[in-house]
Every structure is written in C-alpha cells, then in structure tokens.
Amino acid sequence: MHRKQRTIRQSKSCKGVGLHTGVDSIITFHPA
C-alpha cells in the first residue's frame, strides 16, 4: 500500500521546554 507523500510549503518552528532537562528547545521543519 503506497500513500502519496506531501511536503510543507514553508518552514515551521515550535518552541518548548524539555520534559526531563527543563532546557528551552526549538524544533524546525523545513520543506523537502
């Protein structure tokens, strides 16, 4: 079974605090 893959149009970032470390973190997704 194959599904069509898609990519995002623009970079997206999320900010948060590490669950175990308590350190501020940022994750960024970039288009393919």
C-alpha atoms as a PDB file:
ATOM      1  CA  MET A   1       0.000   0.000   0.000  1.00  0.00           C
ATOM      2  CA  HIS A   2       1.513   3.322  -1.098  1.00  0.00           C
ATOM      3  CA  ARG A   3       0.368   6.726   0.039  1.00  0.00           C
ATOM      4  CA  LYS A   4       1.223   9.916  -1.797  1.00  0.00           C
ATOM      5  CA  GLN A   5       3.755  11.934   0.136  1.00  0.00           C
ATOM      6  CA  ARG A   6       3.472  15.673   0.564  1.00  0.00           C
ATOM      7  CA  THR A   7       5.752  18.393   1.824  1.00  0.00           C
ATOM      8  CA  ILE A   8       5.072  21.606   3.688  1.00  0.00           C
ATOM      9  CA  ARG A   9       5.227  24.949   1.842  1.00  0.00           C
ATOM     10  CA  GLN A  10       7.065  26.975   4.482  1.00  0.00           C
ATOM     11  CA  SER A  11       9.357  26.247   7.393  1.00  0.00           C
ATOM     12  CA  LYS A  12       7.525  25.779  10.693  1.00  0.00           C
ATOM     13  CA  SER A  13       9.014  26.061  14.177  1.00  0.00           C
ATOM     14  CA  CYS A  14       7.801  25.001  17.609  1.00  0.00           C
ATOM     15  CA  LYS A  15       9.242  26.158  20.919  1.00  0.00           C
ATOM     16  CA  GLY A  16       9.004  24.369  24.221  1.00  0.00           C
ATOM     17  CA  VAL A  17      10.770  23.170  27.342  1.00  0.00           C
ATOM     18  CA  GLY A  18      12.461  19.775  27.545  1.00  0.00           C
ATOM     19  CA  LEU A  19      10.409  17.332  29.607  1.00  0.00           C
ATOM     20  CA  HIS A  20      13.349  15.827  31.515  1.00  0.00           C
ATOM     21  CA  THR A  21      16.010  18.522  31.050  1.00  0.00           C
ATOM     22  CA  GLY A  22      13.960  21.687  31.540  1.00  0.00           C
ATOM     23  CA  VAL A  23      16.023  23.300  28.761  1.00  0.00           C
ATOM     24  CA  ASP A  24      14.356  25.634  26.223  1.00  0.00           C
ATOM     25  CA  SER A  25      14.136  23.871  22.860  1.00  0.00           C
ATOM     26  CA  ILE A  26      13.164  24.775  19.303  1.00  0.00           C
ATOM     27  CA  ILE A  27      12.315  22.304  16.536  1.00  0.00           C
ATOM     28  CA  THR A  28      12.069  23.464  12.919  1.00  0.00           C
ATOM     29  CA  PHE A  29      10.564  21.583   9.975  1.00  0.00           C
ATOM     30  CA  HIS A  30      11.800  22.595   6.504  1.00  0.00           C
ATOM     31  CA  PRO A  31      10.175  21.848   3.136  1.00  0.00           C
ATOM     32  CA  ALA A  32      11.684  18.946   1.203  1.00  0.00           C
END
